[in-house]
N, C-alpha and C. Protein backbone atom coordinates (compact mmCIF):
# COMPACT_ATOMS: atom_id res chain seq x y z
N UNK A 1 186.86 -28.98 50.55
CA UNK A 1 185.83 -29.91 50.42
C UNK A 1 184.96 -29.81 51.60
N UNK A 2 183.69 -29.79 51.41
CA UNK A 2 182.82 -29.86 52.45
C UNK A 2 182.51 -31.19 53.21
N UNK A 3 182.57 -31.17 54.44
CA UNK A 3 182.19 -32.39 55.07
C UNK A 3 180.86 -32.92 54.97
N UNK A 4 180.70 -34.29 54.80
CA UNK A 4 179.33 -34.85 54.64
C UNK A 4 178.49 -34.59 55.80
N UNK A 5 177.26 -34.35 55.60
CA UNK A 5 176.44 -34.22 56.75
C UNK A 5 176.23 -35.28 57.86
N UNK A 6 176.23 -34.98 59.08
CA UNK A 6 176.23 -35.99 60.13
C UNK A 6 174.80 -35.89 60.94
N UNK A 7 174.39 -37.08 61.24
CA UNK A 7 173.01 -37.04 61.91
C UNK A 7 173.37 -37.93 63.23
N UNK A 8 172.89 -37.31 64.32
CA UNK A 8 173.20 -38.29 65.61
C UNK A 8 171.62 -38.29 66.26
N UNK A 9 171.65 -38.84 67.21
CA UNK A 9 170.36 -38.88 68.03
C UNK A 9 169.97 -37.42 68.60
N UNK A 10 171.00 -36.74 68.64
CA UNK A 10 170.60 -35.30 69.22
C UNK A 10 170.48 -34.19 68.13
N UNK A 11 171.22 -34.22 66.95
CA UNK A 11 171.09 -33.29 65.94
C UNK A 11 171.56 -33.55 64.72
N UNK A 12 171.35 -32.76 63.60
CA UNK A 12 171.83 -32.92 62.38
C UNK A 12 173.01 -31.84 62.17
N UNK A 13 174.11 -32.28 61.63
CA UNK A 13 175.22 -31.33 61.27
C UNK A 13 175.41 -31.12 59.68
N UNK A 14 175.44 -29.96 59.19
CA UNK A 14 175.68 -30.04 57.77
C UNK A 14 176.45 -28.58 57.48
N UNK A 15 177.15 -28.36 56.44
CA UNK A 15 177.86 -27.05 55.94
C UNK A 15 177.17 -26.77 54.74
N UNK A 16 176.71 -25.47 54.62
CA UNK A 16 176.23 -24.90 53.47
C UNK A 16 177.21 -24.64 52.38
N UNK A 17 176.80 -24.13 51.32
CA UNK A 17 177.78 -23.88 50.17
C UNK A 17 178.60 -22.71 50.25
N UNK A 18 178.31 -21.80 51.51
CA UNK A 18 179.25 -20.64 51.67
C UNK A 18 180.15 -20.94 52.90
N UNK A 19 180.11 -22.20 53.52
CA UNK A 19 180.87 -22.48 54.62
C UNK A 19 180.52 -22.35 55.89
N UNK A 20 179.15 -22.01 56.01
CA UNK A 20 178.54 -21.98 57.32
C UNK A 20 178.08 -23.38 57.69
N UNK A 21 178.55 -23.67 59.09
CA UNK A 21 178.10 -25.05 59.74
C UNK A 21 176.72 -24.85 60.29
N UNK A 22 175.78 -25.69 60.00
CA UNK A 22 174.40 -25.46 60.61
C UNK A 22 174.30 -26.81 61.43
N UNK A 23 173.56 -26.49 62.78
CA UNK A 23 173.35 -27.59 63.51
C UNK A 23 172.03 -27.31 64.01
N UNK A 24 171.13 -28.30 63.69
CA UNK A 24 169.77 -28.42 64.23
C UNK A 24 169.49 -29.41 65.18
N UNK A 25 169.14 -29.00 66.30
CA UNK A 25 168.81 -29.95 67.46
C UNK A 25 167.52 -30.50 67.17
N UNK A 26 167.33 -31.76 67.50
CA UNK A 26 166.02 -32.62 67.40
C UNK A 26 165.12 -32.27 68.75
N UNK A 27 164.08 -32.45 68.59
CA UNK A 27 163.07 -32.26 69.53
C UNK A 27 163.52 -33.00 70.90
N UNK A 28 163.67 -32.21 71.99
CA UNK A 28 163.93 -32.88 73.29
C UNK A 28 163.46 -31.97 74.43
N UNK A 29 163.04 -32.56 75.34
CA UNK A 29 162.48 -31.66 76.44
C UNK A 29 163.71 -31.28 77.31
N UNK A 30 164.78 -32.03 77.27
CA UNK A 30 165.90 -31.76 78.21
C UNK A 30 167.01 -31.87 77.53
N UNK A 31 168.05 -30.94 77.84
CA UNK A 31 169.43 -31.18 77.21
C UNK A 31 170.42 -31.10 78.41
N UNK A 32 171.22 -32.12 78.71
CA UNK A 32 171.99 -32.15 79.95
C UNK A 32 173.45 -32.35 79.59
N UNK A 33 174.33 -32.51 80.74
CA UNK A 33 175.71 -32.54 80.41
C UNK A 33 176.26 -33.76 79.54
N UNK A 34 175.52 -34.79 79.79
CA UNK A 34 175.96 -36.17 78.86
C UNK A 34 175.57 -35.70 77.33
N UNK A 35 174.67 -35.18 77.17
CA UNK A 35 174.17 -34.67 75.88
C UNK A 35 175.17 -33.75 75.31
N UNK A 36 175.63 -32.87 75.91
CA UNK A 36 176.72 -32.02 75.57
C UNK A 36 177.98 -32.58 75.16
N UNK A 37 178.38 -33.57 76.03
CA UNK A 37 179.59 -34.32 75.61
C UNK A 37 179.53 -35.12 74.34
N UNK A 38 178.29 -35.75 74.15
CA UNK A 38 177.95 -36.33 72.67
C UNK A 38 178.24 -35.29 71.55
N UNK A 39 177.56 -34.07 71.85
CA UNK A 39 177.44 -33.01 70.87
C UNK A 39 179.05 -32.61 70.65
N UNK A 40 179.61 -32.49 71.68
CA UNK A 40 181.10 -31.89 71.42
C UNK A 40 181.89 -33.06 70.50
N UNK A 41 181.88 -34.16 70.90
CA UNK A 41 182.37 -35.33 69.99
C UNK A 41 182.04 -35.29 68.68
N UNK A 42 180.76 -35.11 68.26
CA UNK A 42 180.30 -35.02 67.00
C UNK A 42 180.79 -33.76 66.27
N UNK A 43 180.63 -32.57 66.97
CA UNK A 43 181.18 -31.23 66.40
C UNK A 43 182.72 -31.37 66.03
N UNK A 44 183.48 -31.98 66.84
CA UNK A 44 184.87 -32.12 66.53
C UNK A 44 185.03 -33.09 65.45
N UNK A 45 184.26 -34.27 65.27
CA UNK A 45 184.57 -35.04 64.13
C UNK A 45 184.11 -34.35 62.79
N UNK A 46 182.98 -33.58 62.76
CA UNK A 46 182.30 -32.94 61.70
C UNK A 46 183.23 -31.93 61.23
N UNK A 47 183.72 -31.06 62.02
CA UNK A 47 184.65 -30.02 61.73
C UNK A 47 185.98 -30.34 61.34
N UNK A 48 186.47 -31.40 61.61
CA UNK A 48 187.81 -31.87 61.38
C UNK A 48 188.85 -30.94 62.05
N UNK A 49 188.35 -30.26 63.20
CA UNK A 49 189.14 -29.43 63.86
C UNK A 49 189.35 -27.98 63.42
N UNK A 50 188.62 -27.74 62.27
CA UNK A 50 188.75 -26.35 61.57
C UNK A 50 187.50 -25.50 62.02
N UNK A 51 187.92 -24.17 62.58
CA UNK A 51 186.74 -23.38 63.08
C UNK A 51 185.96 -22.83 61.79
N UNK A 52 184.84 -22.56 62.11
CA UNK A 52 183.81 -22.13 61.24
C UNK A 52 182.65 -21.12 61.86
N UNK A 53 181.91 -20.52 60.88
CA UNK A 53 180.66 -19.69 61.44
C UNK A 53 179.84 -20.84 61.69
N UNK A 54 178.95 -20.64 62.87
CA UNK A 54 178.02 -21.68 63.18
C UNK A 54 176.61 -21.23 63.46
N UNK A 55 175.69 -21.68 62.78
CA UNK A 55 174.32 -21.41 63.06
C UNK A 55 173.59 -22.70 63.99
N UNK A 56 173.15 -22.38 65.15
CA UNK A 56 172.86 -23.39 65.86
C UNK A 56 171.35 -23.12 66.24
N UNK A 57 170.53 -24.26 65.85
CA UNK A 57 168.98 -24.16 66.06
C UNK A 57 168.63 -24.89 67.25
N UNK A 58 168.25 -24.12 68.40
CA UNK A 58 167.97 -24.60 69.58
C UNK A 58 166.40 -24.74 69.65
N UNK A 59 165.62 -24.24 68.68
CA UNK A 59 164.23 -24.15 68.79
C UNK A 59 163.42 -25.51 69.20
N UNK A 60 164.06 -26.51 69.18
CA UNK A 60 163.37 -27.73 69.55
C UNK A 60 163.59 -28.24 71.00
N UNK A 61 164.68 -27.35 71.73
CA UNK A 61 164.89 -27.77 72.94
C UNK A 61 164.16 -26.91 73.90
N UNK A 62 163.58 -27.52 74.93
CA UNK A 62 162.76 -26.63 75.96
C UNK A 62 163.42 -26.39 77.20
N UNK A 63 164.67 -27.02 77.52
CA UNK A 63 165.35 -27.03 78.79
C UNK A 63 166.87 -27.34 78.61
N UNK A 64 167.72 -26.52 78.93
CA UNK A 64 169.18 -26.46 78.92
C UNK A 64 169.61 -26.45 80.42
N UNK A 65 170.28 -27.49 81.06
CA UNK A 65 170.88 -27.48 82.28
C UNK A 65 172.04 -26.54 82.43
N UNK A 66 172.34 -25.91 83.54
CA UNK A 66 173.31 -25.14 83.66
C UNK A 66 174.58 -25.55 83.43
N UNK A 67 174.89 -26.83 83.62
CA UNK A 67 176.16 -27.50 83.30
C UNK A 67 176.23 -27.64 81.76
N UNK A 68 175.11 -28.02 81.12
CA UNK A 68 175.21 -28.09 79.69
C UNK A 68 175.53 -26.66 79.06
N UNK A 69 174.90 -25.66 79.54
CA UNK A 69 175.07 -24.27 79.16
C UNK A 69 176.71 -24.01 79.23
N UNK A 70 177.28 -24.38 80.48
CA UNK A 70 178.59 -23.96 80.46
C UNK A 70 179.62 -24.77 79.61
N UNK A 71 179.27 -25.95 79.23
CA UNK A 71 179.96 -26.70 78.47
C UNK A 71 180.04 -26.21 77.03
N UNK A 72 178.86 -25.52 76.61
CA UNK A 72 178.96 -25.04 75.35
C UNK A 72 179.88 -23.87 74.99
N UNK A 73 180.53 -23.38 76.11
CA UNK A 73 181.73 -22.26 75.88
C UNK A 73 182.89 -22.83 76.47
N UNK A 74 183.11 -24.19 76.27
CA UNK A 74 184.24 -25.00 76.76
C UNK A 74 185.33 -24.76 75.65
N UNK A 75 186.69 -24.82 76.13
CA UNK A 75 187.82 -24.79 75.12
C UNK A 75 187.47 -25.89 73.89
N UNK A 76 186.82 -26.94 74.14
CA UNK A 76 186.72 -27.95 73.19
C UNK A 76 185.86 -27.34 71.97
N UNK A 77 184.84 -26.60 72.22
CA UNK A 77 184.23 -25.91 71.15
C UNK A 77 184.49 -24.54 70.76
N UNK A 78 185.17 -23.90 71.83
CA UNK A 78 185.67 -22.50 71.41
C UNK A 78 186.55 -22.56 69.99
N UNK A 79 187.56 -23.43 70.15
CA UNK A 79 188.57 -23.51 68.87
C UNK A 79 187.81 -23.97 67.60
N UNK A 80 186.28 -24.28 67.70
CA UNK A 80 185.81 -24.87 66.45
C UNK A 80 184.76 -23.69 66.09
N UNK A 81 184.77 -22.64 66.59
CA UNK A 81 183.69 -21.64 66.56
C UNK A 81 184.36 -20.22 66.12
N UNK A 82 184.19 -19.73 64.95
CA UNK A 82 184.58 -18.27 64.77
C UNK A 82 183.48 -17.27 65.36
N UNK A 83 182.17 -17.67 65.05
CA UNK A 83 181.03 -16.82 65.59
C UNK A 83 179.85 -17.71 65.54
N UNK A 84 178.88 -17.55 66.48
CA UNK A 84 177.79 -18.42 66.58
C UNK A 84 176.46 -17.56 66.53
N UNK A 85 175.45 -17.95 65.82
CA UNK A 85 174.33 -17.34 65.84
C UNK A 85 173.36 -18.49 66.44
N UNK A 86 172.50 -18.21 67.58
CA UNK A 86 171.84 -19.26 68.16
C UNK A 86 170.40 -19.01 68.07
N UNK A 87 169.58 -19.63 67.42
CA UNK A 87 168.32 -19.66 67.00
C UNK A 87 167.57 -20.44 68.21
N UNK A 88 166.45 -19.79 68.85
CA UNK A 88 165.61 -20.23 69.69
C UNK A 88 164.27 -20.00 69.34
N UNK A 89 163.34 -20.73 70.14
CA UNK A 89 161.97 -20.79 69.89
C UNK A 89 161.32 -19.56 70.65
N UNK A 90 160.74 -18.81 70.01
CA UNK A 90 160.23 -17.42 70.74
C UNK A 90 159.05 -17.71 71.68
N UNK A 91 158.34 -18.99 71.44
CA UNK A 91 157.22 -19.44 72.22
C UNK A 91 157.87 -20.19 73.51
N UNK A 92 159.07 -20.33 73.70
CA UNK A 92 159.72 -21.11 74.81
C UNK A 92 160.77 -20.20 75.35
N UNK A 93 160.53 -19.23 76.09
CA UNK A 93 161.62 -18.15 76.35
C UNK A 93 162.73 -18.77 77.45
N UNK A 94 162.34 -19.94 78.05
CA UNK A 94 163.44 -20.50 79.06
C UNK A 94 164.84 -20.52 78.42
N UNK A 95 164.97 -21.17 77.27
CA UNK A 95 166.25 -21.50 76.59
C UNK A 95 166.83 -20.02 76.17
N UNK A 96 166.14 -19.24 75.66
CA UNK A 96 166.61 -18.01 75.37
C UNK A 96 167.16 -17.15 76.41
N UNK A 97 166.29 -17.15 77.47
CA UNK A 97 166.82 -16.57 78.80
C UNK A 97 168.13 -17.17 79.44
N UNK A 98 168.03 -18.66 79.52
CA UNK A 98 169.11 -19.30 80.18
C UNK A 98 170.50 -18.86 79.27
N UNK A 99 170.31 -18.88 77.90
CA UNK A 99 171.55 -18.50 77.12
C UNK A 99 171.95 -17.06 77.31
N UNK A 100 171.05 -16.08 77.39
CA UNK A 100 171.37 -14.79 77.48
C UNK A 100 172.08 -14.70 78.74
N UNK A 101 171.39 -15.26 79.82
CA UNK A 101 172.08 -15.24 81.35
C UNK A 101 173.37 -15.69 81.23
N UNK A 102 173.77 -16.79 80.79
CA UNK A 102 175.00 -17.44 80.46
C UNK A 102 176.11 -16.37 79.86
N UNK A 103 175.43 -15.68 78.91
CA UNK A 103 176.34 -14.76 78.09
C UNK A 103 176.72 -13.59 78.95
N UNK A 104 175.93 -13.10 80.05
CA UNK A 104 176.02 -12.05 80.85
C UNK A 104 177.18 -12.54 81.90
N UNK A 105 177.14 -13.75 82.14
CA UNK A 105 178.09 -14.27 83.34
C UNK A 105 179.50 -14.65 82.78
N UNK A 106 179.55 -14.97 81.70
CA UNK A 106 180.96 -15.31 81.19
C UNK A 106 181.36 -14.44 80.04
N UNK A 107 182.62 -14.27 79.98
CA UNK A 107 183.14 -13.45 78.82
C UNK A 107 183.03 -14.22 77.48
N UNK A 108 182.46 -13.80 76.62
CA UNK A 108 182.10 -14.43 75.45
C UNK A 108 183.40 -14.75 74.69
N UNK A 109 183.69 -16.10 74.34
CA UNK A 109 184.91 -16.58 73.86
C UNK A 109 185.09 -16.30 72.23
N UNK A 110 183.83 -16.12 71.76
CA UNK A 110 183.85 -15.67 70.36
C UNK A 110 182.35 -14.90 70.05
N UNK A 111 182.20 -14.13 69.01
CA UNK A 111 180.96 -13.47 68.95
C UNK A 111 179.76 -14.46 68.90
N UNK A 112 178.79 -14.15 69.73
CA UNK A 112 177.42 -15.03 69.68
C UNK A 112 176.23 -14.10 69.99
N UNK A 113 175.25 -14.50 69.39
CA UNK A 113 174.04 -13.69 69.69
C UNK A 113 172.84 -14.64 69.40
N UNK A 114 171.90 -14.46 70.46
CA UNK A 114 170.58 -15.24 70.40
C UNK A 114 169.57 -14.57 69.33
N UNK A 115 168.74 -15.22 68.58
CA UNK A 115 167.89 -14.85 67.59
C UNK A 115 166.66 -15.81 67.69
N UNK A 116 165.39 -15.23 67.31
CA UNK A 116 164.33 -16.03 67.25
C UNK A 116 163.93 -16.27 65.87
N UNK A 117 164.72 -15.87 64.86
CA UNK A 117 164.45 -15.97 63.47
C UNK A 117 165.81 -16.31 62.74
N UNK A 118 165.84 -17.40 62.06
CA UNK A 118 167.01 -18.06 61.50
C UNK A 118 167.62 -16.87 60.48
N UNK A 119 166.90 -16.37 59.55
CA UNK A 119 167.32 -15.40 58.62
C UNK A 119 168.06 -14.29 59.29
N UNK A 120 167.53 -13.77 60.41
CA UNK A 120 168.23 -12.65 60.97
C UNK A 120 169.58 -13.23 61.59
N UNK A 121 169.56 -14.30 62.13
CA UNK A 121 170.85 -15.08 62.68
C UNK A 121 171.75 -15.20 61.53
N UNK A 122 171.45 -15.73 60.45
CA UNK A 122 172.25 -15.86 59.33
C UNK A 122 172.88 -14.46 58.78
N UNK A 123 172.02 -13.45 58.76
CA UNK A 123 172.41 -12.20 58.32
C UNK A 123 173.57 -11.70 59.33
N UNK A 124 173.32 -11.86 60.44
CA UNK A 124 174.42 -11.33 61.60
C UNK A 124 175.55 -12.20 61.27
N UNK A 125 175.47 -13.45 61.15
CA UNK A 125 176.54 -14.34 61.20
C UNK A 125 177.63 -13.87 59.99
N UNK A 126 176.77 -13.80 58.78
CA UNK A 126 177.65 -13.41 57.59
C UNK A 126 178.49 -12.11 57.63
N UNK A 127 178.43 -11.33 58.72
CA UNK A 127 179.02 -10.19 58.84
C UNK A 127 180.36 -10.52 59.38
N UNK A 128 180.72 -11.59 59.75
CA UNK A 128 182.00 -12.23 60.13
C UNK A 128 182.64 -13.06 59.23
N UNK A 129 182.13 -13.16 57.96
CA UNK A 129 182.82 -13.86 56.90
C UNK A 129 184.12 -12.91 56.55
N UNK A 130 185.28 -13.76 56.39
CA UNK A 130 186.49 -13.08 55.76
C UNK A 130 186.45 -13.03 54.29
């Protein structure tokens, strides 16, 4: 059974008919450590502790703090993610650059890749379906 969609002040979470979890972050100029803690709690509740393929749309976010970026690869989220496609706004290169930089500094705990196009991200993500 698919979980019911969840909406917080940060994002909307829903699962599509093929089992991919979608997360759409709402318009924000900044995303900090406190926001990530709220996101982690919502992700844990939404997933029921079960890992899934995740399409995360960051295109409405214009700034991610280093602390926030590091928390996105925390054990709390690693166990909920099989693979993640990260969609960013091509006209706001800071977030894409920050995420790509973090990926070079850390060993990726699960397959993840940055995209500026949701369809390309979804196509890549589906290569990890079992």
